[in-house]
Amino acid sequence: LVTGEIRVMGKGSKERIVPVGAPASDA
């Protein structure tokens, strides 16, 4: 939540980093 991102495991066991918006970070 400091950088505003999350690492997730997608299809084919491929990891990616996606941004997390400010309202989502607060929640």
PDB file of all heavy atoms in Angstrom:
ATOM      1  N   LEU A   1       0.815  -1.211   0.000  1.00  0.00           N
ATOM      2  CA  LEU A   1       0.000   0.000   0.000  1.00  0.00           C
ATOM      3  C   LEU A   1       0.850   1.264   0.000  1.00  0.00           C
ATOM      4  O   LEU A   1       0.317   2.358  -0.228  1.00  0.00           O
ATOM      5  CB  LEU A   1      -0.938  -0.006   1.216  1.00  0.00           C
ATOM      6  CG  LEU A   1      -2.010  -1.099   1.193  1.00  0.00           C
ATOM      7  CD1 LEU A   1      -2.863  -1.034   2.449  1.00  0.00           C
ATOM      8  CD2 LEU A   1      -2.878  -0.983  -0.051  1.00  0.00           C
ATOM      9  N   VAL A   2       2.150   1.138   0.238  1.00  0.00           N
ATOM     10  CA  VAL A   2       3.037   2.300   0.159  1.00  0.00           C
ATOM     11  C   VAL A   2       3.249   2.691  -1.299  1.00  0.00           C
ATOM     12  O   VAL A   2       3.125   3.864  -1.673  1.00  0.00           O
ATOM     13  CB  VAL A   2       4.389   2.010   0.852  1.00  0.00           C
ATOM     14  CG1 VAL A   2       5.348   3.195   0.650  1.00  0.00           C
ATOM     15  CG2 VAL A   2       4.179   1.732   2.333  1.00  0.00           C
ATOM     16  N   THR A   3       3.530   1.701  -2.129  1.00  0.00           N
ATOM     17  CA  THR A   3       3.723   1.962  -3.562  1.00  0.00           C
ATOM     18  C   THR A   3       2.411   1.916  -4.330  1.00  0.00           C
ATOM     19  O   THR A   3       2.351   2.341  -5.485  1.00  0.00           O
ATOM     20  CB  THR A   3       4.692   0.940  -4.165  1.00  0.00           C
ATOM     21  OG1 THR A   3       4.160  -0.383  -3.994  1.00  0.00           O
ATOM     22  CG2 THR A   3       6.057   1.023  -3.492  1.00  0.00           C
ATOM     23  N   GLY A   4       1.364   1.386  -3.705  1.00  0.00           N
ATOM     24  CA  GLY A   4       0.070   1.295  -4.371  1.00  0.00           C
ATOM     25  C   GLY A   4       0.053   0.254  -5.471  1.00  0.00           C
ATOM     26  O   GLY A   4      -0.322   0.548  -6.616  1.00  0.00           O
ATOM     27  N   GLU A   5       0.427  -0.987  -5.141  1.00  0.00           N
ATOM     28  CA  GLU A   5       0.432  -2.055  -6.138  1.00  0.00           C
ATOM     29  C   GLU A   5       0.254  -3.406  -5.464  1.00  0.00           C
ATOM     30  O   GLU A   5       0.450  -3.555  -4.258  1.00  0.00           O
ATOM     31  CB  GLU A   5       1.736  -2.038  -6.948  1.00  0.00           C
ATOM     32  CG  GLU A   5       2.984  -2.249  -6.115  1.00  0.00           C
ATOM     33  CD  GLU A   5       4.256  -2.002  -6.890  1.00  0.00           C
ATOM     34  OE1 GLU A   5       4.226  -1.170  -7.833  1.00  0.00           O
ATOM     35  OE2 GLU A   5       5.280  -2.628  -6.576  1.00  0.00           O
ATOM     36  N   ILE A   6      -0.140  -4.372  -6.264  1.00  0.00           N
ATOM     37  CA  ILE A   6      -0.305  -5.727  -5.771  1.00  0.00           C
ATOM     38  C   ILE A   6       0.226  -6.697  -6.817  1.00  0.00           C
ATOM     39  O   ILE A   6       0.073  -6.474  -8.023  1.00  0.00           O
ATOM     40  CB  ILE A   6      -1.788  -6.036  -5.442  1.00  0.00           C
ATOM     41  CG1 ILE A   6      -1.922  -7.412  -4.793  1.00  0.00           C
ATOM     42  CG2 ILE A   6      -2.677  -5.932  -6.682  1.00  0.00           C
ATOM     43  CD1 ILE A   6      -3.313  -7.690  -4.229  1.00  0.00           C
ATOM     44  N   ARG A   7       0.878  -7.742  -6.353  1.00  0.00           N
ATOM     45  CA  ARG A   7       1.355  -8.819  -7.235  1.00  0.00           C
ATOM     46  C   ARG A   7       0.316  -9.933  -7.234  1.00  0.00           C
ATOM     47  O   ARG A   7      -0.107 -10.386  -6.162  1.00  0.00           O
ATOM     48  CB  ARG A   7       2.697  -9.384  -6.752  1.00  0.00           C
ATOM     49  CG  ARG A   7       3.860  -8.421  -6.879  1.00  0.00           C
ATOM     50  CD  ARG A   7       5.124  -9.028  -6.271  1.00  0.00           C
ATOM     51  NE  ARG A   7       6.250  -8.145  -6.433  1.00  0.00           N
ATOM     52  CZ  ARG A   7       7.122  -8.200  -7.449  1.00  0.00           C
ATOM     53  NH1 ARG A   7       6.948  -9.135  -8.385  1.00  0.00           N
ATOM     54  NH2 ARG A   7       8.130  -7.371  -7.530  1.00  0.00           N
ATOM     55  N   VAL A   8      -0.094 -10.358  -8.405  1.00  0.00           N
ATOM     56  CA  VAL A   8      -1.084 -11.426  -8.503  1.00  0.00           C
ATOM     57  C   VAL A   8      -0.592 -12.498  -9.457  1.00  0.00           C
ATOM     58  O   VAL A   8       0.224 -12.238 -10.346  1.00  0.00           O
ATOM     59  CB  VAL A   8      -2.459 -10.896  -8.978  1.00  0.00           C
ATOM     60  CG1 VAL A   8      -3.053  -9.953  -7.947  1.00  0.00           C
ATOM     61  CG2 VAL A   8      -2.352 -10.209 -10.330  1.00  0.00           C
ATOM     62  N   MET A   9      -1.088 -13.711  -9.246  1.00  0.00           N
ATOM     63  CA  MET A   9      -0.752 -14.830 -10.108  1.00  0.00           C
ATOM     64  C   MET A   9      -1.879 -15.028 -11.106  1.00  0.00           C
ATOM     65  O   MET A   9      -3.013 -15.355 -10.727  1.00  0.00           O
ATOM     66  CB  MET A   9      -0.550 -16.103  -9.286  1.00  0.00           C
ATOM     67  CG  MET A   9       0.068 -17.243 -10.071  1.00  0.00           C
ATOM     68  SD  MET A   9       1.771 -16.890 -10.597  1.00  0.00           S
ATOM     69  CE  MET A   9       2.601 -16.889  -9.001  1.00  0.00           C
ATOM     70  N   GLY A  10      -1.610 -14.780 -12.385  1.00  0.00           N
ATOM     71  CA  GLY A  10      -2.635 -14.866 -13.410  1.00  0.00           C
ATOM     72  C   GLY A  10      -2.645 -16.200 -14.127  1.00  0.00           C
ATOM     73  O   GLY A  10      -2.122 -17.200 -13.626  1.00  0.00           O
ATOM     74  N   LYS A  11      -3.234 -16.215 -15.304  1.00  0.00           N
ATOM     75  CA  LYS A  11      -3.310 -17.441 -16.098  1.00  0.00           C
ATOM     76  C   LYS A  11      -1.919 -17.924 -16.472  1.00  0.00           C
ATOM     77  O   LYS A  11      -1.016 -17.127 -16.704  1.00  0.00           O
ATOM     78  CB  LYS A  11      -4.131 -17.190 -17.363  1.00  0.00           C
ATOM     79  CG  LYS A  11      -5.639 -17.061 -17.116  1.00  0.00           C
ATOM     80  CD  LYS A  11      -6.381 -16.948 -18.418  1.00  0.00           C
ATOM     81  CE  LYS A  11      -7.890 -16.903 -18.198  1.00  0.00           C
ATOM     82  NZ  LYS A  11      -8.631 -16.795 -19.475  1.00  0.00           N
ATOM     83  N   GLY A  12      -1.773 -19.237 -16.543  1.00  0.00           N
ATOM     84  CA  GLY A  12      -0.482 -19.798 -16.907  1.00  0.00           C
ATOM     85  C   GLY A  12       0.567 -19.582 -15.838  1.00  0.00           C
ATOM     86  O   GLY A  12       1.772 -19.611 -16.119  1.00  0.00           O
ATOM     87  N   SER A  13       0.142 -19.363 -14.592  1.00  0.00           N
ATOM     88  CA  SER A  13       1.056 -19.121 -13.465  1.00  0.00           C
ATOM     89  C   SER A  13       2.006 -17.969 -13.743  1.00  0.00           C
ATOM     90  O   SER A  13       3.178 -17.985 -13.354  1.00  0.00           O
ATOM     91  CB  SER A  13       1.863 -20.401 -13.147  1.00  0.00           C
ATOM     92  OG  SER A  13       0.998 -21.443 -12.755  1.00  0.00           O
ATOM     93  N   LYS A  14       1.494 -16.957 -14.428  1.00  0.00           N
ATOM     94  CA  LYS A  14       2.294 -15.769 -14.723  1.00  0.00           C
ATOM     95  C   LYS A  14       1.981 -14.675 -13.709  1.00  0.00           C
ATOM     96  O   LYS A  14       0.829 -14.273 -13.548  1.00  0.00           O
ATOM     97  CB  LYS A  14       2.006 -15.267 -16.138  1.00  0.00           C
ATOM     98  CG  LYS A  14       2.474 -16.220 -17.230  1.00  0.00           C
ATOM     99  CD  LYS A  14       2.188 -15.648 -18.617  1.00  0.00           C
ATOM    100  CE  LYS A  14       2.680 -16.592 -19.709  1.00  0.00           C
ATOM    101  NZ  LYS A  14       2.386 -16.068 -21.070  1.00  0.00           N
ATOM    102  N   GLU A  15       3.016 -14.223 -13.040  1.00  0.00           N
ATOM    103  CA  GLU A  15       2.841 -13.166 -12.046  1.00  0.00           C
ATOM    104  C   GLU A  15       2.934 -11.803 -12.711  1.00  0.00           C
ATOM    105  O   GLU A  15       3.731 -11.590 -13.615  1.00  0.00           O
ATOM    106  CB  GLU A  15       3.922 -13.279 -10.971  1.00  0.00           C
ATOM    107  CG  GLU A  15       3.702 -12.346  -9.795  1.00  0.00           C
ATOM    108  CD  GLU A  15       4.782 -12.482  -8.739  1.00  0.00           C
ATOM    109  OE1 GLU A  15       5.932 -12.093  -9.028  1.00  0.00           O
ATOM    110  OE2 GLU A  15       4.489 -12.986  -7.649  1.00  0.00           O
ATOM    111  N   ARG A  16       2.091 -10.877 -12.261  1.00  0.00           N
ATOM    112  CA  ARG A  16       2.179  -9.513 -12.764  1.00  0.00           C
ATOM    113  C   ARG A  16       1.893  -8.541 -11.628  1.00  0.00           C
ATOM    114  O   ARG A  16       1.290  -8.917 -10.613  1.00  0.00           O
ATOM    115  CB  ARG A  16       1.216  -9.281 -13.927  1.00  0.00           C
ATOM    116  CG  ARG A  16      -0.248  -9.183 -13.566  1.00  0.00           C
ATOM    117  CD  ARG A  16      -1.112  -9.000 -14.816  1.00  0.00           C
ATOM    118  NE  ARG A  16      -2.507  -8.692 -14.498  1.00  0.00           N
ATOM    119  CZ  ARG A  16      -3.391  -9.577 -14.083  1.00  0.00           C
ATOM    120  NH1 ARG A  16      -3.036 -10.841 -13.956  1.00  0.00           N
ATOM    121  NH2 ARG A  16      -4.638  -9.204 -13.813  1.00  0.00           N
ATOM    122  N   ILE A  17       2.333  -7.325 -11.809  1.00  0.00           N
ATOM    123  CA  ILE A  17       2.107  -6.273 -10.828  1.00  0.00           C
ATOM    124  C   ILE A  17       1.088  -5.306 -11.400  1.00  0.00           C
ATOM    125  O   ILE A  17       1.217  -4.853 -12.537  1.00  0.00           O
ATOM    126  CB  ILE A  17       3.417  -5.519 -10.514  1.00  0.00           C
ATOM    127  CG1 ILE A  17       4.475  -6.486  -9.997  1.00  0.00           C
ATOM    128  CG2 ILE A  17       3.165  -4.411  -9.501  1.00  0.00           C
ATOM    129  CD1 ILE A  17       5.837  -5.853  -9.809  1.00  0.00           C
ATOM    130  N   VAL A  18       0.050  -5.013 -10.622  1.00  0.00           N
ATOM    131  CA  VAL A  18      -0.992  -4.087 -11.075  1.00  0.00           C
ATOM    132  C   VAL A  18      -1.145  -2.968 -10.049  1.00  0.00           C
ATOM    133  O   VAL A  18      -0.952  -3.181  -8.856  1.00  0.00           O
ATOM    134  CB  VAL A  18      -2.336  -4.805 -11.299  1.00  0.00           C
ATOM    135  CG1 VAL A  18      -2.260  -5.742 -12.483  1.00  0.00           C
ATOM    136  CG2 VAL A  18      -2.760  -5.559 -10.055  1.00  0.00           C
ATOM    137  N   PRO A  19      -1.507  -1.788 -10.513  1.00  0.00           N
ATOM    138  CA  PRO A  19      -1.675  -0.662  -9.590  1.00  0.00           C
ATOM    139  C   PRO A  19      -2.950  -0.790  -8.765  1.00  0.00           C
ATOM    140  O   PRO A  19      -3.927  -1.408  -9.187  1.00  0.00           O
ATOM    141  CB  PRO A  19      -1.744   0.547 -10.523  1.00  0.00           C
ATOM    142  CG  PRO A  19      -2.273  -0.005 -11.813  1.00  0.00           C
ATOM    143  CD  PRO A  19      -1.708  -1.389 -11.919  1.00  0.00           C
ATOM    144  N   VAL A  20      -2.911  -0.185  -7.595  1.00  0.00           N
ATOM    145  CA  VAL A  20      -4.074  -0.134  -6.706  1.00  0.00           C
ATOM    146  C   VAL A  20      -4.410   1.339  -6.492  1.00  0.00           C
ATOM    147  O   VAL A  20      -3.573   2.110  -6.024  1.00  0.00           O
ATOM    148  CB  VAL A  20      -3.781  -0.815  -5.360  1.00  0.00           C
ATOM    149  CG1 VAL A  20      -4.988  -0.701  -4.421  1.00  0.00           C
ATOM    150  CG2 VAL A  20      -3.407  -2.281  -5.570  1.00  0.00           C
ATOM    151  N   GLY A  21      -5.623   1.738  -6.845  1.00  0.00           N
ATOM    152  CA  GLY A  21      -6.026   3.133  -6.736  1.00  0.00           C
ATOM    153  C   GLY A  21      -6.160   3.596  -5.293  1.00  0.00           C
ATOM    154  O   GLY A  21      -6.229   2.794  -4.355  1.00  0.00           O
ATOM    155  N   ALA A  22      -6.214   4.918  -5.104  1.00  0.00           N
ATOM    156  CA  ALA A  22      -6.271   5.494  -3.766  1.00  0.00           C
ATOM    157  C   ALA A  22      -7.499   5.057  -2.973  1.00  0.00           C
ATOM    158  O   ALA A  22      -7.378   4.688  -1.798  1.00  0.00           O
ATOM    159  CB  ALA A  22      -6.203   7.020  -3.866  1.00  0.00           C
ATOM    160  N   PRO A  23      -8.722   5.088  -3.542  1.00  0.00           N
ATOM    161  CA  PRO A  23      -9.882   4.615  -2.761  1.00  0.00           C
ATOM    162  C   PRO A  23      -9.754   3.147  -2.365  1.00  0.00           C
ATOM    163  O   PRO A  23     -10.148   2.769  -1.263  1.00  0.00           O
ATOM    164  CB  PRO A  23     -11.061   4.835  -3.704  1.00  0.00           C
ATOM    165  CG  PRO A  23     -10.603   5.902  -4.645  1.00  0.00           C
ATOM    166  CD  PRO A  23      -9.152   5.631  -4.843  1.00  0.00           C
ATOM    167  N   ALA A  24      -9.205   2.328  -3.263  1.00  0.00           N
ATOM    168  CA  ALA A  24      -9.016   0.915  -2.944  1.00  0.00           C
ATOM    169  C   ALA A  24      -7.986   0.754  -1.833  1.00  0.00           C
ATOM    170  O   ALA A  24      -8.148  -0.080  -0.928  1.00  0.00           O
ATOM    171  CB  ALA A  24      -8.586   0.145  -4.187  1.00  0.00           C
ATOM    172  N   SER A  25      -6.931   1.553  -1.864  1.00  0.00           N
ATOM    173  CA  SER A  25      -5.912   1.489  -0.813  1.00  0.00           C
ATOM    174  C   SER A  25      -6.504   1.839   0.545  1.00  0.00           C
ATOM    175  O   SER A  25      -6.224   1.185   1.557  1.00  0.00           O
ATOM    176  CB  SER A  25      -4.751   2.441  -1.145  1.00  0.00           C
ATOM    177  OG  SER A  25      -4.047   1.998  -2.294  1.00  0.00           O
ATOM    178  N   ASP A  26      -7.337   2.879   0.584  1.00  0.00           N
ATOM    179  CA  ASP A  26      -7.982   3.270   1.840  1.00  0.00           C
ATOM    180  C   ASP A  26      -8.875   2.142   2.357  1.00  0.00           C
ATOM    181  O   ASP A  26      -8.880   1.834   3.559  1.00  0.00           O
ATOM    182  CB  ASP A  26      -8.806   4.533   1.639  1.00  0.00           C
ATOM    183  CG  ASP A  26      -7.945   5.765   1.415  1.00  0.00           C
ATOM    184  OD1 ASP A  26      -6.725   5.690   1.684  1.00  0.00           O
ATOM    185  OD2 ASP A  26      -8.480   6.793   0.964  1.00  0.00           O
ATOM    186  N   ALA A  27      -9.653   1.543   1.440  1.00  0.00           N
ATOM    187  CA  ALA A  27     -10.546   0.453   1.847  1.00  0.00           C
ATOM    188  C   ALA A  27      -9.748  -0.757   2.323  1.00  0.00           C
ATOM    189  O   ALA A  27     -10.150  -1.442   3.274  1.00  0.00           O
ATOM    190  CB  ALA A  27     -11.459   0.068   0.691  1.00  0.00           C
TER     191      ALA A  27
END
